[in-house]
N, C-alpha and C. Protein backbone atom coordinates (compact mmCIF):
# COMPACT_ATOMS: atom_id res chain seq x y z
N UNK A 1 62.50 108.10 166.11
CA UNK A 1 63.43 109.29 165.12
C UNK A 1 62.63 110.26 164.23
N UNK A 2 63.14 111.49 164.44
CA UNK A 2 62.33 112.57 163.75
C UNK A 2 62.97 112.43 162.37
N UNK A 3 61.97 112.98 161.31
CA UNK A 3 62.01 112.62 160.08
C UNK A 3 63.66 113.43 159.58
N UNK A 4 64.54 112.98 158.34
CA UNK A 4 65.52 113.82 158.24
C UNK A 4 65.54 115.25 157.81
N UNK A 5 66.31 116.08 157.65
CA UNK A 5 66.28 116.89 156.93
C UNK A 5 66.59 116.51 155.06
N UNK A 6 65.72 116.97 154.59
CA UNK A 6 65.81 116.89 153.25
C UNK A 6 66.45 117.50 152.25
N UNK A 7 67.57 117.42 151.51
CA UNK A 7 68.33 118.29 150.85
C UNK A 7 68.50 117.76 149.55
N UNK A 8 68.38 118.89 148.65
CA UNK A 8 68.93 118.92 147.45
C UNK A 8 70.37 119.50 147.18
N UNK A 9 71.39 119.09 145.95
CA UNK A 9 72.46 119.69 145.94
C UNK A 9 72.80 120.26 144.59
N UNK A 10 72.87 121.28 144.39
CA UNK A 10 72.76 121.70 142.97
C UNK A 10 74.55 122.74 142.99
N UNK A 11 75.48 121.82 141.83
CA UNK A 11 76.51 122.17 141.58
C UNK A 11 76.84 121.79 140.47
N UNK A 12 77.60 122.46 139.44
CA UNK A 12 77.89 122.07 137.65
C UNK A 12 78.87 121.23 137.94
N UNK A 13 79.75 120.57 138.97
CA UNK A 13 80.81 119.94 139.30
C UNK A 13 80.73 118.85 139.88
N UNK A 14 80.51 117.54 139.48
CA UNK A 14 80.01 116.02 139.99
C UNK A 14 80.61 115.70 140.87
N UNK A 15 81.92 115.83 141.30
CA UNK A 15 82.86 115.61 142.33
C UNK A 15 82.47 116.16 143.72
N UNK A 16 82.06 117.42 143.67
CA UNK A 16 81.63 118.34 144.31
C UNK A 16 80.44 117.82 145.09
N UNK A 17 79.41 117.76 143.94
CA UNK A 17 77.86 116.91 144.29
C UNK A 17 78.40 115.59 145.38
N UNK A 18 79.05 114.58 144.43
CA UNK A 18 79.21 113.06 145.20
C UNK A 18 80.18 113.72 146.55
N UNK A 19 80.76 114.52 147.10
CA UNK A 19 81.56 115.03 147.86
C UNK A 19 80.42 115.49 149.06
N UNK A 20 79.70 116.04 148.61
CA UNK A 20 78.57 116.75 149.53
C UNK A 20 77.52 115.19 150.06
N UNK A 21 77.19 114.63 149.10
CA UNK A 21 76.33 113.69 149.05
C UNK A 21 76.85 112.70 150.21
N UNK A 22 78.31 112.33 150.34
CA UNK A 22 78.95 111.35 151.13
C UNK A 22 78.93 112.08 152.15
N UNK A 23 79.53 113.51 152.38
CA UNK A 23 79.54 113.99 153.48
C UNK A 23 78.09 114.13 154.38
N UNK A 24 77.34 114.65 153.90
CA UNK A 24 75.99 114.96 154.29
C UNK A 24 75.06 113.68 154.76
N UNK A 25 75.03 112.48 154.01
CA UNK A 25 74.46 111.41 154.24
C UNK A 25 75.08 110.73 155.31
N UNK A 26 76.28 111.09 155.83
CA UNK A 26 76.66 110.49 157.01
C UNK A 26 76.34 110.65 158.31
N UNK A 27 75.40 112.26 158.03
CA UNK A 27 74.79 112.69 159.60
C UNK A 27 73.62 112.12 159.34
N UNK A 28 73.28 111.43 160.41
CA UNK A 28 72.14 110.69 160.86
C UNK A 28 70.57 111.79 160.58
N UNK A 29 71.04 112.55 160.84
CA UNK A 29 69.35 114.04 160.20
C UNK A 29 69.35 114.45 159.11
N UNK A 30 70.43 113.84 158.52
CA UNK A 30 70.37 114.46 157.27
C UNK A 30 70.74 113.74 155.98
N UNK A 31 69.43 114.07 154.72
CA UNK A 31 69.64 113.15 153.65
C UNK A 31 69.61 113.61 152.50
N UNK A 32 70.39 113.46 151.38
CA UNK A 32 70.37 114.05 150.11
C UNK A 32 69.25 113.36 149.18
N UNK A 33 68.40 114.15 148.80
CA UNK A 33 67.12 113.32 148.15
C UNK A 33 67.60 113.37 146.76
N UNK A 34 68.13 114.64 146.33
CA UNK A 34 68.51 114.78 144.75
C UNK A 34 69.53 115.35 144.21
N UNK A 35 70.11 115.78 143.14
CA UNK A 35 71.17 116.44 142.81
C UNK A 35 70.99 117.49 141.40
N UNK A 36 71.63 118.13 141.20
CA UNK A 36 71.60 118.82 140.02
C UNK A 36 72.32 119.68 139.22
N UNK A 37 72.95 119.71 138.05
CA UNK A 37 73.99 120.26 137.73
C UNK A 37 74.11 121.24 137.00
N UNK A 38 72.89 122.47 136.84
CA UNK A 38 72.65 123.75 136.67
C UNK A 38 71.84 124.27 137.52
N UNK A 39 71.55 125.78 137.07
CA UNK A 39 69.90 126.01 137.57
C UNK A 39 68.74 125.71 137.43
N UNK A 40 68.82 125.79 135.98
CA UNK A 40 67.60 124.99 135.15
C UNK A 40 67.30 123.86 135.72
N UNK A 41 68.39 122.76 135.91
CA UNK A 41 67.91 121.42 136.54
C UNK A 41 67.69 121.53 137.86
N UNK A 42 67.96 122.34 138.78
CA UNK A 42 67.96 122.76 139.99
C UNK A 42 66.41 122.98 140.18
N UNK A 43 65.81 124.13 139.34
CA UNK A 43 64.40 124.23 139.38
C UNK A 43 63.56 123.12 139.37
N UNK A 44 63.93 121.81 138.25
CA UNK A 44 63.12 121.08 138.18
C UNK A 44 63.07 120.16 139.31
N UNK A 45 64.49 120.17 139.80
CA UNK A 45 64.56 119.00 140.84
C UNK A 45 63.71 119.48 142.41
N UNK A 46 63.79 120.74 142.27
CA UNK A 46 63.41 120.96 143.99
C UNK A 46 62.23 121.28 143.54
N UNK A 47 61.58 121.89 142.59
CA UNK A 47 59.78 121.97 142.38
C UNK A 47 59.17 120.45 142.47
N UNK A 48 60.26 119.78 141.98
CA UNK A 48 59.23 118.29 141.99
C UNK A 48 59.73 117.74 143.78
N UNK A 49 60.89 117.78 144.55
CA UNK A 49 61.08 116.84 145.49
C UNK A 49 60.91 118.04 146.84
N UNK A 50 60.49 119.20 146.53
CA UNK A 50 60.36 120.24 147.56
C UNK A 50 61.19 119.89 148.69
N UNK A 51 62.65 120.07 148.55
CA UNK A 51 63.65 119.68 149.98
C UNK A 51 63.23 120.45 150.55
N UNK A 52 63.55 120.49 152.08
CA UNK A 52 64.16 121.31 153.08
C UNK A 52 64.95 122.48 152.83
N UNK A 53 65.94 121.77 152.31
CA UNK A 53 66.67 123.09 151.98
C UNK A 53 67.62 122.51 150.56
N UNK A 54 67.83 123.75 150.35
CA UNK A 54 68.80 123.32 149.07
C UNK A 54 69.91 123.88 148.58
N UNK A 55 71.05 123.33 148.64
CA UNK A 55 72.24 123.75 148.61
C UNK A 55 72.74 124.32 147.36
N UNK A 56 72.79 125.66 146.97
CA UNK A 56 72.96 126.02 145.78
C UNK A 56 73.97 127.02 145.37
N UNK A 57 75.04 126.26 144.23
CA UNK A 57 76.29 126.84 143.86
C UNK A 57 75.83 128.44 143.01
N UNK A 58 76.30 129.13 142.97
CA UNK A 58 76.22 130.35 142.33
C UNK A 58 76.42 130.40 141.08
N UNK A 59 77.66 130.12 140.51
CA UNK A 59 77.79 130.14 139.17
C UNK A 59 78.05 128.52 138.56
N UNK A 60 77.02 128.58 137.74
CA UNK A 60 76.38 127.35 136.90
C UNK A 60 75.85 127.65 135.63
N UNK A 61 75.95 126.77 134.77
CA UNK A 61 75.80 127.05 133.53
C UNK A 61 73.95 127.10 133.18
N UNK A 62 73.74 127.50 132.44
CA UNK A 62 72.07 127.57 131.86
C UNK A 62 71.59 128.48 132.74
N UNK A 63 71.50 128.91 134.01
CA UNK A 63 70.94 129.27 134.99
C UNK A 63 71.72 129.44 136.01
N UNK A 64 72.06 130.91 136.86
CA UNK A 64 73.27 130.70 137.64
C UNK A 64 72.46 130.70 138.99
N UNK A 65 72.94 130.10 139.78
CA UNK A 65 72.10 130.17 141.33
C UNK A 65 71.17 131.28 141.62
N UNK A 66 71.99 132.26 141.54
CA UNK A 66 71.09 133.44 141.91
C UNK A 66 69.54 133.56 141.03
N UNK A 67 69.56 133.71 139.98
CA UNK A 67 68.25 133.45 139.22
C UNK A 67 67.59 132.63 139.72
N UNK A 68 68.09 131.32 139.59
CA UNK A 68 67.47 130.18 140.04
C UNK A 68 66.81 130.37 141.85
N UNK A 69 67.33 130.91 142.47
CA UNK A 69 67.03 131.06 143.61
C UNK A 69 65.93 132.41 143.87
N UNK A 70 66.07 133.16 142.85
CA UNK A 70 65.07 134.25 142.91
C UNK A 70 63.76 133.72 142.31
N UNK A 71 63.98 133.25 141.28
CA UNK A 71 63.06 132.07 140.90
C UNK A 71 62.01 131.30 141.75
N UNK A 72 62.73 130.36 142.68
CA UNK A 72 61.92 129.82 143.57
C UNK A 72 61.11 130.30 144.89
N UNK A 73 61.88 131.53 145.22
CA UNK A 73 61.35 132.65 146.14
C UNK A 73 60.01 133.06 145.64
N UNK A 74 60.40 133.25 144.09
CA UNK A 74 59.21 134.10 143.59
C UNK A 74 57.64 133.16 143.36
N UNK A 75 58.17 131.93 143.18
CA UNK A 75 57.17 130.63 142.97
C UNK A 75 56.48 130.15 144.16
N UNK A 76 57.63 130.65 145.00
CA UNK A 76 56.54 130.32 146.36
C UNK A 76 57.05 128.87 147.06
N UNK A 77 58.06 128.51 146.03
CA UNK A 77 58.55 126.87 146.40
C UNK A 77 59.35 126.95 148.05
N UNK A 78 58.56 125.86 148.58
CA UNK A 78 58.66 125.95 150.14
C UNK A 78 60.11 125.12 150.28
N UNK A 79 61.17 126.08 150.40
CA UNK A 79 62.22 125.13 150.15
C UNK A 79 63.16 126.18 151.04
N UNK A 80 64.25 126.30 151.77
CA UNK A 80 65.53 127.09 152.40
C UNK A 80 66.61 127.28 151.29
N UNK A 81 67.14 128.23 151.01
CA UNK A 81 68.17 128.46 149.80
C UNK A 81 69.39 128.85 150.92
N UNK A 82 70.46 127.56 150.89
CA UNK A 82 72.02 127.71 151.07
C UNK A 82 72.40 127.76 150.08
N UNK A 83 73.45 129.20 150.21
CA UNK A 83 74.33 129.45 148.80
C UNK A 83 75.67 128.94 149.05
N UNK A 84 76.33 128.46 147.68
CA UNK A 84 77.73 127.63 148.29
C UNK A 84 78.46 128.71 147.24
N UNK A 85 79.53 129.40 148.02
CA UNK A 85 80.62 129.98 147.14
C UNK A 85 82.14 129.92 147.29
N UNK A 86 82.84 129.91 146.65
CA UNK A 86 84.15 129.68 146.93
C UNK A 86 84.99 130.60 147.71
N UNK A 87 84.36 132.06 147.78
CA UNK A 87 85.02 133.05 148.46
C UNK A 87 84.13 133.61 149.56
N UNK A 88 84.73 134.23 150.73
CA UNK A 88 83.49 134.48 151.44
C UNK A 88 82.76 136.28 151.29
N UNK A 89 83.48 136.59 150.24
CA UNK A 89 83.63 137.61 150.01
C UNK A 89 82.97 137.75 148.40
N UNK A 90 82.34 136.78 147.75
CA UNK A 90 82.38 136.83 146.41
C UNK A 90 81.16 137.71 145.81
N UNK A 91 81.06 138.56 145.04
CA UNK A 91 80.28 139.49 145.12
C UNK A 91 78.96 139.33 144.52
N UNK A 92 78.96 137.82 144.27
CA UNK A 92 77.17 137.18 144.22
C UNK A 92 76.66 137.15 145.07
N UNK A 93 77.40 136.71 145.89
CA UNK A 93 76.50 136.46 147.38
C UNK A 93 75.49 137.27 147.75
N UNK A 94 75.92 138.74 147.58
CA UNK A 94 75.41 139.91 147.95
C UNK A 94 73.85 139.86 147.31
N UNK A 95 73.99 139.82 146.01
CA UNK A 95 72.42 139.52 144.71
C UNK A 95 72.13 138.17 145.39
N UNK A 96 72.72 137.10 145.93
CA UNK A 96 71.88 135.99 146.08
C UNK A 96 71.00 136.35 147.59
N UNK A 97 71.61 136.99 148.32
CA UNK A 97 71.01 137.31 149.62
C UNK A 97 69.66 138.17 149.48
N UNK A 98 69.83 138.81 148.13
CA UNK A 98 68.92 139.89 148.02
C UNK A 98 67.74 139.28 146.97
N UNK A 99 68.09 138.09 146.28
CA UNK A 99 66.88 137.01 145.52
C UNK A 99 66.50 136.27 146.64
N UNK A 100 67.01 136.53 147.95
CA UNK A 100 66.13 135.42 148.92
C UNK A 100 66.57 134.58 149.26
N UNK A 101 68.04 133.99 149.23
CA UNK A 101 68.76 133.05 149.82
C UNK A 101 68.40 133.49 151.41
N UNK A 102 68.70 132.33 152.07
CA UNK A 102 68.43 132.30 153.78
C UNK A 102 69.80 132.05 154.16
N UNK A 103 70.99 132.48 153.19
CA UNK A 103 72.51 132.54 153.70
C UNK A 103 73.51 131.87 152.99
N UNK A 104 74.79 132.02 153.53
CA UNK A 104 75.50 131.34 152.72
C UNK A 104 76.89 130.74 153.01
N UNK A 105 77.50 129.76 152.44
CA UNK A 105 78.37 128.87 153.16
C UNK A 105 79.78 128.68 152.69
N UNK A 106 81.14 128.40 152.56
CA UNK A 106 82.19 128.56 151.95
C UNK A 106 82.24 126.66 151.40
N UNK A 107 82.52 126.60 150.25
CA UNK A 107 82.16 125.27 149.77
C UNK A 107 83.55 124.37 150.54
N UNK A 108 84.61 125.07 151.38
CA UNK A 108 85.67 124.56 151.76
C UNK A 108 85.69 124.27 153.59
N UNK A 109 84.06 124.81 153.76
CA UNK A 109 84.06 124.75 155.25
C UNK A 109 83.92 123.28 155.71
N UNK A 110 84.60 123.32 157.18
CA UNK A 110 84.22 121.67 157.67
C UNK A 110 83.07 121.16 157.61
N UNK A 111 82.81 119.70 157.45
CA UNK A 111 81.77 119.31 156.91
C UNK A 111 80.75 119.49 158.40
N UNK A 112 81.21 119.73 159.23
CA UNK A 112 80.70 119.72 160.76
C UNK A 112 79.90 121.10 160.54
N UNK A 113 80.37 122.05 160.36
CA UNK A 113 79.98 123.45 160.00
C UNK A 113 78.88 123.60 159.26
N UNK A 114 79.30 122.77 157.69
CA UNK A 114 77.93 122.87 157.24
C UNK A 114 76.82 122.05 157.22
N UNK A 115 76.70 120.93 157.95
CA UNK A 115 75.86 119.97 158.64
C UNK A 115 75.25 121.32 159.60
N UNK A 116 75.80 121.77 160.41
CA UNK A 116 75.45 122.71 161.51
C UNK A 116 74.45 124.15 160.52
N UNK A 117 75.13 124.11 159.80
CA UNK A 117 74.49 125.50 158.78
C UNK A 117 73.31 125.19 158.40
N UNK A 118 73.31 123.89 157.70
CA UNK A 118 72.00 123.09 157.24
C UNK A 118 71.28 123.09 158.12
N UNK A 119 71.19 122.74 159.46
CA UNK A 119 70.36 122.52 160.25
C UNK A 119 69.68 123.82 160.95
N UNK A 120 70.34 124.80 160.85
CA UNK A 120 70.14 126.32 161.68
C UNK A 120 69.20 126.72 160.24
N UNK A 121 69.29 126.57 158.69
CA UNK A 121 68.46 127.46 157.71
C UNK A 121 67.16 126.17 157.89
N UNK A 122 66.97 124.66 158.04
CA UNK A 122 66.10 124.29 158.01
C UNK A 122 64.95 124.77 159.36
N UNK A 123 65.65 124.40 160.23
CA UNK A 123 64.72 125.33 161.54
C UNK A 123 63.95 126.96 161.18
N UNK A 124 64.30 127.36 160.14
CA UNK A 124 63.72 128.24 159.52
C UNK A 124 64.62 129.57 160.23
N UNK A 125 65.61 129.48 160.47
CA UNK A 125 66.47 130.93 160.72
C UNK A 125 67.42 131.20 159.59
N UNK A 126 67.98 132.35 159.62
CA UNK A 126 69.20 132.77 158.44
C UNK A 126 70.61 132.78 158.87
N UNK A 127 71.04 132.70 157.87
CA UNK A 127 72.58 132.16 158.20
C UNK A 127 73.36 133.24 157.77
N UNK A 128 73.40 133.89 158.98
CA UNK A 128 74.09 135.71 158.83
C UNK A 128 74.90 135.68 160.02
N UNK A 129 76.09 134.83 160.39
CA UNK A 129 76.96 134.72 161.51
C UNK A 129 77.13 135.99 161.73
N UNK A 130 77.03 136.78 163.35
CA UNK A 130 77.79 137.77 163.49
C UNK A 130 79.35 137.86 163.35
N UNK A 131 80.02 136.87 163.21
CA UNK A 131 81.54 137.01 162.83
C UNK A 131 81.41 137.28 160.97
N UNK A 132 80.55 137.05 160.65
CA UNK A 132 81.05 137.74 159.55
C UNK A 132 79.56 139.09 158.57
N UNK A 133 78.85 139.42 159.70
CA UNK A 133 78.03 140.28 158.74
C UNK A 133 78.29 141.43 159.09
N UNK A 134 79.16 142.11 159.82
CA UNK A 134 79.82 143.41 159.25
C UNK A 134 80.83 143.65 158.05
N UNK A 135 81.45 142.72 157.78
CA UNK A 135 82.55 142.30 156.68
C UNK A 135 81.35 142.39 155.34
N UNK A 136 80.42 141.18 155.60
CA UNK A 136 79.56 141.21 154.17
C UNK A 136 78.73 142.38 154.08
N UNK A 137 78.15 142.89 154.61
CA UNK A 137 77.19 144.15 154.78
C UNK A 137 77.91 145.22 154.04
N UNK A 138 79.06 145.29 155.17
CA UNK A 138 79.62 146.47 154.60
C UNK A 138 80.17 146.62 152.92
N UNK A 139 80.30 145.39 152.65
CA UNK A 139 80.62 144.95 151.49
C UNK A 139 79.22 145.10 150.17
N UNK A 140 78.62 144.85 150.92
CA UNK A 140 77.30 144.78 150.35
C UNK A 140 76.73 146.04 149.93
N UNK A 141 76.46 146.95 151.07
CA UNK A 141 76.34 148.11 150.78
C UNK A 141 76.93 149.06 149.95
N UNK A 142 78.25 148.62 149.88
CA UNK A 142 78.96 149.45 149.31
C UNK A 142 78.88 148.98 147.57
N UNK A 143 78.85 147.86 147.29
CA UNK A 143 78.53 147.40 146.09
C UNK A 143 77.22 147.12 145.28
N UNK A 144 76.10 147.65 146.18
CA UNK A 144 74.79 147.50 145.69
C UNK A 144 74.20 148.37 146.26
N UNK A 145 74.09 150.21 145.84
CA UNK A 145 73.59 150.91 146.27
C UNK A 145 72.30 151.02 146.16
N UNK A 146 71.29 150.37 145.28
CA UNK A 146 69.81 150.27 144.69
C UNK A 146 69.28 149.39 145.81
N UNK A 147 67.97 149.92 145.99
CA UNK A 147 67.25 148.68 146.54
C UNK A 147 66.68 147.99 146.10
N UNK A 148 66.74 146.58 146.39
CA UNK A 148 65.73 145.41 146.23
C UNK A 148 64.74 145.41 145.92
N UNK A 149 64.22 144.66 144.78
CA UNK A 149 62.63 144.54 144.45
C UNK A 149 61.58 144.73 145.38
N UNK A 150 62.20 143.84 146.65
CA UNK A 150 61.46 143.58 147.63
C UNK A 150 61.25 144.60 148.88
N UNK A 151 62.07 145.83 148.92
CA UNK A 151 62.02 146.80 149.86
C UNK A 151 60.55 147.44 149.80
N UNK A 152 60.00 147.56 151.22
CA UNK A 152 59.10 147.84 151.80
C UNK A 152 59.32 149.78 151.42
N UNK A 153 58.69 150.70 151.64
CA UNK A 153 58.48 152.17 151.94
C UNK A 153 59.38 152.56 153.13
N UNK A 154 59.82 153.44 153.02
CA UNK A 154 60.44 153.99 154.07
C UNK A 154 59.87 154.17 155.34
N UNK A 155 58.44 154.64 155.13
CA UNK A 155 57.43 155.02 156.42
C UNK A 155 57.44 153.35 156.76
N UNK A 156 57.59 152.15 156.62
CA UNK A 156 57.41 151.18 157.32
C UNK A 156 57.79 151.17 158.40
N UNK A 157 59.11 151.78 158.62
CA UNK A 157 59.69 151.83 160.01
C UNK A 157 58.95 152.33 160.97
N UNK A 158 57.80 153.64 160.67
CA UNK A 158 57.43 153.94 161.81
C UNK A 158 56.61 152.98 161.94
N UNK A 159 56.37 151.57 161.79
CA UNK A 159 55.35 150.99 162.31
C UNK A 159 55.89 150.21 163.60
N UNK A 160 57.72 150.41 163.71
CA UNK A 160 58.22 149.63 164.49
C UNK A 160 58.16 151.04 165.96
N UNK A 161 58.01 150.62 167.07
CA UNK A 161 58.14 150.72 168.66
C UNK A 161 59.84 150.94 168.68
N UNK A 162 60.14 152.06 169.52
CA UNK A 162 61.41 152.25 169.96
C UNK A 162 62.05 150.94 170.12
N UNK A 163 61.73 150.14 170.96
CA UNK A 163 63.02 149.00 171.44
C UNK A 163 62.65 148.12 169.87
N UNK A 164 61.69 148.01 169.31
CA UNK A 164 61.93 147.47 168.17
C UNK A 164 62.89 147.93 166.87
N UNK A 165 62.92 149.17 166.81
CA UNK A 165 64.09 149.87 166.04
C UNK A 165 65.08 149.42 166.70
N UNK A 166 65.36 149.66 167.84
CA UNK A 166 66.90 149.39 168.33
C UNK A 166 67.13 148.04 167.74
N UNK A 167 66.22 146.90 168.29
CA UNK A 167 66.36 145.56 168.01
C UNK A 167 66.97 145.53 166.53
N UNK A 168 66.32 146.17 165.86
CA UNK A 168 66.70 146.10 164.20
C UNK A 168 67.88 146.63 164.08
N UNK A 169 68.64 147.73 164.79
CA UNK A 169 69.56 148.21 164.22
C UNK A 169 70.97 147.38 164.98
N UNK A 170 70.45 146.54 166.39
CA UNK A 170 71.43 145.46 166.87
C UNK A 170 71.69 144.02 165.75
N UNK A 171 71.02 143.77 165.18
CA UNK A 171 70.21 142.71 165.07
C UNK A 171 71.60 142.90 163.03
N UNK A 172 71.47 144.46 162.85
CA UNK A 172 72.34 144.74 161.57
C UNK A 172 73.89 144.98 161.79
N UNK A 173 73.69 144.99 163.05
CA UNK A 173 74.98 145.08 163.44
C UNK A 173 75.72 143.51 163.61
N UNK A 174 75.08 142.43 163.67
CA UNK A 174 75.63 140.87 163.79
C UNK A 174 75.26 140.32 165.15
N UNK A 175 74.45 141.30 165.82
CA UNK A 175 74.41 140.81 167.07
C UNK A 175 73.22 139.39 167.06
N UNK A 176 73.35 138.46 168.09
CA UNK A 176 72.96 137.48 168.23
C UNK A 176 71.56 137.92 168.91
N UNK A 177 70.48 136.63 169.01
CA UNK A 177 69.55 137.03 170.10
C UNK A 177 70.40 136.95 171.46
N UNK A 178 71.06 136.35 171.66
CA UNK A 178 71.47 136.32 172.98
C UNK A 178 72.50 137.59 173.36
N UNK A 179 73.29 137.80 172.52
CA UNK A 179 73.83 139.25 172.38
C UNK A 179 72.56 140.18 172.27
N UNK A 180 71.70 140.65 171.79
CA UNK A 180 70.74 141.38 172.04
C UNK A 180 70.19 141.56 173.45
N UNK A 181 69.82 140.16 173.78
CA UNK A 181 69.27 140.24 174.97
C UNK A 181 70.39 140.84 176.30
N UNK A 182 71.38 140.69 176.11
CA UNK A 182 72.63 141.23 176.89
C UNK A 182 72.44 142.80 176.93
N UNK A 183 72.58 143.17 175.68
CA UNK A 183 72.53 144.39 175.81
C UNK A 183 71.66 145.53 176.09
N UNK A 184 70.03 144.83 176.32
CA UNK A 184 68.88 145.45 176.17
C UNK A 184 68.63 145.10 177.48
N UNK A 185 69.32 144.26 178.42
CA UNK A 185 68.64 143.77 179.57
C UNK A 185 67.51 143.20 179.64
N UNK A 186 67.09 142.10 179.01
CA UNK A 186 65.90 141.06 178.47
C UNK A 186 65.95 139.80 178.48
N UNK A 187 64.94 139.39 178.56
CA UNK A 187 65.53 137.84 178.19
C UNK A 187 65.05 137.57 176.55
N UNK A 188 65.59 136.20 176.20
CA UNK A 188 66.20 135.63 174.69
C UNK A 188 64.67 135.63 174.44
N UNK A 189 63.31 135.37 175.53
CA UNK A 189 62.15 135.15 174.81
C UNK A 189 61.30 136.37 174.39
N UNK A 190 61.96 137.38 175.33
CA UNK A 190 61.55 138.62 174.55
C UNK A 190 62.06 139.30 173.13
N UNK A 191 63.13 138.80 173.29
CA UNK A 191 64.26 139.27 172.05
C UNK A 191 63.51 138.35 171.05
N UNK A 192 63.50 137.26 171.22
CA UNK A 192 62.90 136.56 169.62
C UNK A 192 61.43 136.86 169.54
N UNK A 193 60.86 137.76 170.37
CA UNK A 193 59.31 138.46 170.16
C UNK A 193 59.56 139.55 169.60
N UNK A 194 60.70 140.18 169.99
CA UNK A 194 60.68 141.70 169.20
C UNK A 194 61.46 141.43 167.54
N UNK A 195 62.20 140.60 167.62
CA UNK A 195 62.89 140.41 166.34
C UNK A 195 61.55 139.72 165.33
N UNK A 196 60.47 138.81 166.25
CA UNK A 196 59.27 138.14 165.15
C UNK A 196 58.32 139.56 165.08
N UNK A 197 58.58 140.57 165.36
CA UNK A 197 57.45 141.57 165.36
C UNK A 197 58.19 142.36 163.97
N UNK A 198 59.68 142.67 164.35
CA UNK A 198 60.62 143.52 163.93
C UNK A 198 59.80 142.84 161.90
N UNK A 199 60.18 141.69 161.51
CA UNK A 199 59.90 141.30 160.82
C UNK A 199 58.73 141.03 159.98
N UNK A 200 57.83 140.80 161.07
CA UNK A 200 56.28 140.76 160.61
C UNK A 200 56.03 142.43 160.04
N UNK A 201 56.39 143.44 160.87
CA UNK A 201 55.89 144.68 160.48
C UNK A 201 56.82 145.33 159.27
N UNK A 202 57.86 144.83 159.00
CA UNK A 202 58.39 145.17 157.72
C UNK A 202 58.11 144.63 156.33
N UNK A 203 57.76 143.39 157.01
CA UNK A 203 57.19 142.23 155.44
C UNK A 203 58.82 141.67 154.89
N UNK A 204 59.69 141.02 156.04
CA UNK A 204 60.48 140.26 155.63
C UNK A 204 60.18 139.22 156.13
N UNK A 205 61.06 138.16 155.50
CA UNK A 205 61.25 136.58 155.80
C UNK A 205 62.22 135.89 156.82
N UNK A 206 63.11 136.77 157.05
CA UNK A 206 64.26 136.35 157.66
C UNK A 206 65.02 137.56 158.54
N UNK A 207 66.21 137.22 159.37
CA UNK A 207 67.12 138.12 159.41
C UNK A 207 68.13 138.63 158.28
N UNK A 208 68.41 137.57 157.49
CA UNK A 208 68.94 138.45 156.52
C UNK A 208 68.52 139.86 155.75
N UNK A 209 67.22 139.27 154.75
CA UNK A 209 66.62 140.76 154.98
C UNK A 209 66.51 141.83 155.61
N UNK A 210 66.31 141.50 157.00
CA UNK A 210 66.36 142.58 158.30
C UNK A 210 67.76 143.34 157.89
N UNK A 211 68.56 142.42 158.32
CA UNK A 211 70.06 143.39 157.81
C UNK A 211 70.07 144.26 156.80
N UNK A 212 70.14 143.74 155.61
CA UNK A 212 69.99 144.16 154.40
C UNK A 212 68.81 145.69 154.58
N UNK A 213 67.83 145.16 155.12
CA UNK A 213 67.14 146.37 154.94
C UNK A 213 67.47 147.69 155.71
N UNK A 214 68.17 147.40 157.08
CA UNK A 214 68.04 148.54 157.59
C UNK A 214 69.49 148.83 157.69
N UNK A 215 70.59 148.39 156.52
CA UNK A 215 71.37 149.12 155.71
C UNK A 215 71.33 150.20 154.89
N UNK A 216 70.26 149.79 153.75
CA UNK A 216 69.46 150.39 152.75
C UNK A 216 68.70 151.50 152.97
N UNK A 217 68.04 151.35 154.46
CA UNK A 217 66.83 152.43 155.17
C UNK A 217 67.89 153.44 155.99
N UNK A 218 68.84 153.21 156.06
CA UNK A 218 69.48 154.01 156.96
C UNK A 218 69.38 154.10 158.56
N UNK A 219 68.80 152.82 158.80
CA UNK A 219 68.96 152.24 160.10
C UNK A 219 70.00 152.39 161.06
N UNK A 220 71.07 151.79 160.39
CA UNK A 220 72.97 151.96 160.53
C UNK A 220 73.31 152.26 159.14
N UNK A 221 74.54 151.99 159.45
CA UNK A 221 75.73 152.62 158.42
C UNK A 221 76.78 151.69 158.51
N UNK A 222 77.24 151.75 157.10
CA UNK A 222 78.72 150.94 157.08
C UNK A 222 79.90 151.57 158.18
N UNK A 223 80.42 150.56 159.25
CA UNK A 223 80.89 151.15 159.78
C UNK A 223 80.72 151.34 161.45
N UNK A 224 79.22 151.60 161.50
CA UNK A 224 78.86 152.35 162.31
C UNK A 224 79.08 151.00 163.45
N UNK A 225 79.29 150.18 163.25
CA UNK A 225 79.07 148.96 164.75
C UNK A 225 79.71 149.58 166.06
N UNK A 226 79.06 149.57 166.89
CA UNK A 226 79.29 150.16 168.12
C UNK A 226 78.90 149.05 169.33
N UNK A 227 79.58 148.63 170.74
CA UNK A 227 79.64 147.69 171.27
C UNK A 227 78.75 148.51 172.37
């Protein structure tokens, strides 16, 4: 049997933490190894336990989830952050993505969806589902016009081949690898290679950052979704 995905749950409400622990520990491949009641405690617990995935509430006392996420990323702590929020267009979600979170989930999401999201993030992918990408990014661009600190120079786009630039545009429009493969008439393996090359050339860690980068640097614009 494979090693379970180790989790830390950071939320200032004890009942929510207990609920998540109960739901997630019921999954054979997931294990909650620690909890935190605020952002400062989350930093300590995550540094100590090094979980595969940290479920991070945004609004917490002492230190909010965005600041905690940013600090963990800056320190290079080997954990993937999955942000928990009450509203799917919570303005803080956008800042969390900028801070380095790998995605976000609604707190009231069904247990199977939350478990699936954790598995996706633990596998090294980012959780910005095609069904929500356009809403999230349109709102993100509208509310956050300035560049994030990690943005790379515009001329970095010149490192991409025409096909890689096309792949970046499709990623920014919320296309999955399968959908990109269909659109470009290539195999999924080829698409995965293109995606990896895009991330490497632009110095980005995952698809979330690639989508944000694409919108902020004019590769696509809000409302430009085309099939």
